[in-house]
C-alpha atoms as a PDB file:
ATOM      1  CA  MET A   1     -11.176   6.931  10.334  1.00  0.00           C
ATOM      2  CA  VAL A   2      -9.521   8.661  13.267  1.00  0.00           C
ATOM      3  CA  GLU A   3      -9.223   6.640  16.463  1.00  0.00           C
ATOM      4  CA  VAL A   4      -9.552   8.556  19.709  1.00  0.00           C
ATOM      5  CA  MET A   5      -7.877   7.310  22.855  1.00  0.00           C
ATOM      6  CA  THR A   6      -9.752   7.255  26.130  1.00  0.00           C
ATOM      7  CA  ASP A   7      -8.401   8.942  29.243  1.00  0.00           C
ATOM      8  CA  LYS A   8      -7.702   5.507  30.737  1.00  0.00           C
ATOM      9  CA  GLN A   9      -5.627   4.531  27.693  1.00  0.00           C
ATOM     10  CA  MET A  10      -3.643   7.784  27.855  1.00  0.00           C
ATOM     11  CA  GLN A  11      -3.071   7.322  31.595  1.00  0.00           C
ATOM     12  CA  PHE A  12      -1.800   3.800  30.965  1.00  0.00           C
ATOM     13  CA  ILE A  13       0.592   4.958  28.248  1.00  0.00           C
ATOM     14  CA  ALA A  14       1.912   7.765  30.458  1.00  0.00           C
ATOM     15  CA  TRP A  15       2.388   5.296  33.329  1.00  0.00           C
ATOM     16  CA  LEU A  16       4.126   2.801  31.045  1.00  0.00           C
ATOM     17  CA  ILE A  17       6.574   5.351  29.646  1.00  0.00           C
ATOM     18  CA  THR A  18       7.379   6.959  32.985  1.00  0.00           C
ATOM     19  CA  THR A  19       7.865   3.568  34.637  1.00  0.00           C
ATOM     20  CA  ALA A  20      10.239   2.500  31.875  1.00  0.00           C
ATOM     21  CA  THR A  21      12.241   5.738  31.876  1.00  0.00           C
ATOM     22  CA  ASP A  22      12.557   5.673  35.679  1.00  0.00           C
ATOM     23  CA  LYS A  23      14.603   2.497  35.246  1.00  0.00           C
ATOM     24  CA  CYS A  24      17.079   4.192  32.900  1.00  0.00           C
ATOM     25  CA  GLN A  25      20.417   5.254  34.358  1.00  0.00           C
ATOM     26  CA  THR A  26      21.413   7.799  31.702  1.00  0.00           C
ATOM     27  CA  MET A  27      19.829  10.072  29.116  1.00  0.00           C
ATOM     28  CA  ASP A  28      21.404   7.896  26.421  1.00  0.00           C
ATOM     29  CA  GLU A  29      19.340   4.957  27.694  1.00  0.00           C
ATOM     30  CA  VAL A  30      16.197   7.117  27.566  1.00  0.00           C
ATOM     31  CA  ARG A  31      17.020   8.210  24.007  1.00  0.00           C
ATOM     32  CA  GLU A  32      17.609   4.607  22.958  1.00  0.00           C
ATOM     33  CA  MET A  33      14.254   3.608  24.425  1.00  0.00           C
ATOM     34  CA  ASN A  34      12.591   6.487  22.585  1.00  0.00           C
ATOM     35  CA  LYS A  35      14.113   5.272  19.306  1.00  0.00           C
ATOM     36  CA  ASP A  36      12.653   1.810  19.916  1.00  0.00           C
ATOM     37  CA  ILE A  37       9.235   3.269  20.742  1.00  0.00           C
ATOM     38  CA  ARG A  38       9.270   5.375  17.570  1.00  0.00           C
ATOM     39  CA  LYS A  39      10.426   2.417  15.482  1.00  0.00           C
ATOM     40  CA  HIS A  40       7.332   0.467  16.524  1.00  0.00           C
ATOM     41  CA  SER A  41       4.847   3.357  16.300  1.00  0.00           C
ATOM     42  CA  THR A  42       3.093   3.901  12.987  1.00  0.00           C
ATOM     43  CA  GLY A  43       2.688   7.683  13.232  1.00  0.00           C
ATOM     44  CA  PHE A  44       6.338   8.227  14.099  1.00  0.00           C
ATOM     45  CA  LYS A  45       7.519   6.206  11.105  1.00  0.00           C
ATOM     46  CA  GLU A  46       5.682   8.550   8.772  1.00  0.00           C
ATOM     47  CA  GLU A  47       7.093  11.632  10.532  1.00  0.00           C
ATOM     48  CA  ALA A  48      10.635  10.258  10.399  1.00  0.00           C
ATOM     49  CA  GLU A  49      10.355   9.611   6.672  1.00  0.00           C
ATOM     50  CA  GLU A  50       9.104  13.174   6.099  1.00  0.00           C
ATOM     51  CA  GLN A  51      11.993  14.603   8.120  1.00  0.00           C
ATOM     52  CA  LYS A  52      14.524  12.626   6.079  1.00  0.00           C
ATOM     53  CA  LYS A  53      13.046  14.013   2.857  1.00  0.00           C
ATOM     54  CA  ASP A  54      13.340  17.572   4.168  1.00  0.00           C
ATOM     55  CA  GLU A  55      17.041  17.196   5.059  1.00  0.00           C
END
């Protein structure tokens, strides 16, 4: 079953990410945060595993 996010949920996620990245001083900090987000996100885990297989 596919879950669909509401506009309010998407707005919250966008706010959360932009608020967090605004606190970063460098692009390396942003990239590190992105790695952590992907590590804890189910869909990204599957994509990362597929990319490793292709390399």
